[in-house]
Amino acid sequence: MKTLLKGKLLLISIGITISILYLSLMKMPKYETSISNIDKWQHGFAYFTLSICWLLTFINKAQKKYLIAFLCIAFGIIIEVLQNELTSYRTGDYLDVLANTTGVLLGLVVFNQIYKKNLHN
């Protein structure tokens, strides 16, 4: 897996970032679901994935992990502001910011655990 991803993580991270930006600003179809607050889970998962990818992209610069996490959180906040300012069909939501931040922080915790485990092997 490591060999397969070598050299491609930057492109994957950029792709995920652009995908989140696109999905966050496009008009989404309405759908009914029986799972309450599913969109918050989706936000958390998206930003968990975003943070893990960027942290793995710069794994050799592990001292920058908090800066990377901060930038992922800032990206989520900026998107919520853009939704409010640039679209008439989307609104910024502080609960989305909270879900995004939770996903990033969870990603940071998972990364730290993986990094520590690999550091001792």
Foldseek 3Di string as FASTA:
>chain_A
DCVVCVPPLVVVLVVLLVVCLVVLQDQDDDDDDPDPPVVLVVLLQSLLVNLLSVCVVVVVPNVCSVVSLVVSLVSQVVSQVCNCVVDPRGHRDVSSSVSNNNSSVVSSVVVVVVSVVVVVD
